[in-house]
Amino acid sequence: MTAPPDEIVAKVREWAAHADDDLRVAEHTLTLPDECPYRLVAYHAQQCAEKYLKAFLVLRGIDFPFTAQHRTAAGALLRTRRLGRHNQGCRGIDTLRHNGPLSG
């Protein structure tokens, strides 16, 4: 696989960093000693998943509208009808996230 252009790598890393932030907030909120606001944990977990999905879409060159609706990003992936082929690309996000071999 050829390395994606630096601009794509930067955007994937940006989405992954935002996703990591949401995950950290969700995990921290679970450690609160009294009356954990589980709805906020769920919200940040959903936001984390949505941002990782967007990182994947950017990595694979799949256009999606930049809206607050996670269904839009998921719909963009499903409309491609190439999910099986893209499935293996999920591993690339983790590599990019951690400045792996695709880093410039």
C-alpha atoms as a PDB file:
ATOM      1  CA  MET A   1       0.000   0.000   0.000  1.00  0.00           C
ATOM      2  CA  THR A   2       1.327   3.431  -0.892  1.00  0.00           C
ATOM      3  CA  ALA A   3       1.351   6.028   1.847  1.00  0.00           C
ATOM      4  CA  PRO A   4      -1.469   8.569   1.615  1.00  0.00           C
ATOM      5  CA  PRO A   5      -0.549  12.212   0.962  1.00  0.00           C
ATOM      6  CA  ASP A   6       0.601  14.232   3.987  1.00  0.00           C
ATOM      7  CA  GLU A   7      -2.593  16.306   3.927  1.00  0.00           C
ATOM      8  CA  ILE A   8      -4.719  13.152   4.313  1.00  0.00           C
ATOM      9  CA  VAL A   9      -2.466  11.779   7.057  1.00  0.00           C
ATOM     10  CA  ALA A  10      -2.739  15.088   8.949  1.00  0.00           C
ATOM     11  CA  LYS A  11      -6.535  15.106   8.685  1.00  0.00           C
ATOM     12  CA  VAL A  12      -6.797  11.473   9.842  1.00  0.00           C
ATOM     13  CA  ARG A  13      -4.584  12.256  12.819  1.00  0.00           C
ATOM     14  CA  GLU A  14      -6.677  15.321  13.625  1.00  0.00           C
ATOM     15  CA  TRP A  15      -9.922  13.314  13.664  1.00  0.00           C
ATOM     16  CA  ALA A  16      -8.250  10.560  15.726  1.00  0.00           C
ATOM     17  CA  ALA A  17      -6.925  13.103  18.250  1.00  0.00           C
ATOM     18  CA  HIS A  18     -10.431  14.521  18.706  1.00  0.00           C
ATOM     19  CA  ALA A  19     -11.761  10.978  19.126  1.00  0.00           C
ATOM     20  CA  ASP A  20      -9.084  10.236  21.721  1.00  0.00           C
ATOM     21  CA  ASP A  21     -10.135  13.353  23.648  1.00  0.00           C
ATOM     22  CA  ASP A  22     -13.752  12.187  23.747  1.00  0.00           C
ATOM     23  CA  LEU A  23     -12.640   8.754  24.915  1.00  0.00           C
ATOM     24  CA  ARG A  24     -10.527  10.298  27.691  1.00  0.00           C
ATOM     25  CA  VAL A  25     -13.476  12.381  28.880  1.00  0.00           C
ATOM     26  CA  ALA A  26     -15.763   9.329  28.890  1.00  0.00           C
ATOM     27  CA  GLU A  27     -13.214   7.230  30.800  1.00  0.00           C
ATOM     28  CA  HIS A  28     -12.531   9.999  33.311  1.00  0.00           C
ATOM     29  CA  THR A  29     -16.229  10.610  33.885  1.00  0.00           C
ATOM     30  CA  LEU A  30     -16.634   6.942  34.816  1.00  0.00           C
ATOM     31  CA  THR A  31     -14.188   7.480  37.685  1.00  0.00           C
ATOM     32  CA  LEU A  32     -16.255  10.187  39.375  1.00  0.00           C
ATOM     33  CA  PRO A  33     -16.930   9.092  42.954  1.00  0.00           C
ATOM     34  CA  ASP A  34     -20.568  10.170  43.238  1.00  0.00           C
ATOM     35  CA  GLU A  35     -23.450   9.889  40.803  1.00  0.00           C
ATOM     36  CA  CYS A  36     -21.654   9.385  37.524  1.00  0.00           C
ATOM     37  CA  PRO A  37     -23.548  11.157  34.703  1.00  0.00           C
ATOM     38  CA  TYR A  38     -23.798   8.086  32.458  1.00  0.00           C
ATOM     39  CA  ARG A  39     -25.581  10.023  29.715  1.00  0.00           C
ATOM     40  CA  LEU A  40     -22.424  12.121  29.305  1.00  0.00           C
ATOM     41  CA  VAL A  41     -20.280   8.985  29.213  1.00  0.00           C
ATOM     42  CA  ALA A  42     -22.545   7.645  26.460  1.00  0.00           C
ATOM     43  CA  TYR A  43     -22.436  10.970  24.605  1.00  0.00           C
ATOM     44  CA  HIS A  44     -18.630  11.120  24.574  1.00  0.00           C
ATOM     45  CA  ALA A  45     -18.375   7.439  23.642  1.00  0.00           C
ATOM     46  CA  GLN A  46     -20.679   8.096  20.669  1.00  0.00           C
ATOM     47  CA  GLN A  47     -18.661  11.166  19.696  1.00  0.00           C
ATOM     48  CA  CYS A  48     -15.477   9.104  19.864  1.00  0.00           C
ATOM     49  CA  ALA A  49     -16.932   6.451  17.543  1.00  0.00           C
ATOM     50  CA  GLU A  50     -18.202   9.095  15.115  1.00  0.00           C
ATOM     51  CA  LYS A  51     -14.808  10.790  14.899  1.00  0.00           C
ATOM     52  CA  TYR A  52     -12.982   7.509  14.312  1.00  0.00           C
ATOM     53  CA  LEU A  53     -15.493   6.757  11.562  1.00  0.00           C
ATOM     54  CA  LYS A  54     -14.734  10.134   9.997  1.00  0.00           C
ATOM     55  CA  ALA A  55     -10.993   9.436  10.232  1.00  0.00           C
ATOM     56  CA  PHE A  56     -11.605   6.173   8.375  1.00  0.00           C
ATOM     57  CA  LEU A  57     -13.675   7.902   5.693  1.00  0.00           C
ATOM     58  CA  VAL A  58     -10.954  10.519   5.164  1.00  0.00           C
ATOM     59  CA  LEU A  59      -8.295   7.807   4.939  1.00  0.00           C
ATOM     60  CA  ARG A  60     -10.286   5.938   2.287  1.00  0.00           C
ATOM     61  CA  GLY A  61     -11.181   9.084   0.317  1.00  0.00           C
ATOM     62  CA  ILE A  62     -14.919   8.776   0.958  1.00  0.00           C
ATOM     63  CA  ASP A  63     -16.688  12.145   0.961  1.00  0.00           C
ATOM     64  CA  PHE A  64     -19.150  12.951   3.722  1.00  0.00           C
ATOM     65  CA  PRO A  65     -20.873  16.142   4.818  1.00  0.00           C
ATOM     66  CA  PHE A  66     -19.342  17.799   7.880  1.00  0.00           C
ATOM     67  CA  THR A  67     -22.485  17.875   9.990  1.00  0.00           C
ATOM     68  CA  ALA A  68     -23.335  16.977  13.551  1.00  0.00           C
ATOM     69  CA  GLN A  69     -25.256  13.909  12.426  1.00  0.00           C
ATOM     70  CA  HIS A  70     -23.344  10.640  12.834  1.00  0.00           C
ATOM     71  CA  ARG A  71     -25.838   8.947  10.537  1.00  0.00           C
ATOM     72  CA  THR A  72     -24.527  11.069   7.684  1.00  0.00           C
ATOM     73  CA  ALA A  73     -20.949   9.805   8.091  1.00  0.00           C
ATOM     74  CA  ALA A  74     -22.094   6.207   8.530  1.00  0.00           C
ATOM     75  CA  GLY A  75     -24.382   6.560   5.519  1.00  0.00           C
ATOM     76  CA  ALA A  76     -21.485   7.788   3.400  1.00  0.00           C
ATOM     77  CA  LEU A  77     -19.563   4.639   4.222  1.00  0.00           C
ATOM     78  CA  LEU A  78     -22.501   2.334   3.576  1.00  0.00           C
ATOM     79  CA  ARG A  79     -23.386   4.038   0.279  1.00  0.00           C
ATOM     80  CA  THR A  80     -19.982   3.208  -1.142  1.00  0.00           C
ATOM     81  CA  ARG A  81     -20.934  -0.495  -1.323  1.00  0.00           C
ATOM     82  CA  ARG A  82     -17.237  -1.169  -0.919  1.00  0.00           C
ATOM     83  CA  LEU A  83     -17.275  -1.800   2.823  1.00  0.00           C
ATOM     84  CA  GLY A  84     -15.694  -5.236   2.510  1.00  0.00           C
ATOM     85  CA  ARG A  85     -12.680  -3.819   0.724  1.00  0.00           C
ATOM     86  CA  HIS A  86     -12.381  -0.886   3.145  1.00  0.00           C
ATOM     87  CA  ASN A  87     -12.695  -3.036   6.243  1.00  0.00           C
ATOM     88  CA  GLN A  88      -8.991  -3.814   6.186  1.00  0.00           C
ATOM     89  CA  GLY A  89      -8.209  -0.103   6.069  1.00  0.00           C
ATOM     90  CA  CYS A  90      -9.344   0.343   9.667  1.00  0.00           C
ATOM     91  CA  ARG A  91      -5.967  -0.926  10.772  1.00  0.00           C
ATOM     92  CA  GLY A  92      -4.393   2.022   8.950  1.00  0.00           C
ATOM     93  CA  ILE A  93      -6.076   4.534  11.250  1.00  0.00           C
ATOM     94  CA  ASP A  94      -4.411   3.080  14.314  1.00  0.00           C
ATOM     95  CA  THR A  95      -1.045   3.148  12.560  1.00  0.00           C
ATOM     96  CA  LEU A  96      -1.505   6.787  11.536  1.00  0.00           C
ATOM     97  CA  ARG A  97      -2.749   7.734  14.978  1.00  0.00           C
ATOM     98  CA  HIS A  98       0.427   6.596  16.641  1.00  0.00           C
ATOM     99  CA  ASN A  99       2.840   8.102  14.091  1.00  0.00           C
ATOM    100  CA  GLY A 100       3.534   4.700  12.640  1.00  0.00           C
ATOM    101  CA  PRO A 101       5.210   3.789   9.375  1.00  0.00           C
ATOM    102  CA  LEU A 102       2.985   6.095   7.317  1.00  0.00           C
ATOM    103  CA  SER A 103       4.170   9.206   9.121  1.00  0.00           C
ATOM    104  CA  GLY A 104       6.128  11.726   7.132  1.00  0.00           C
END
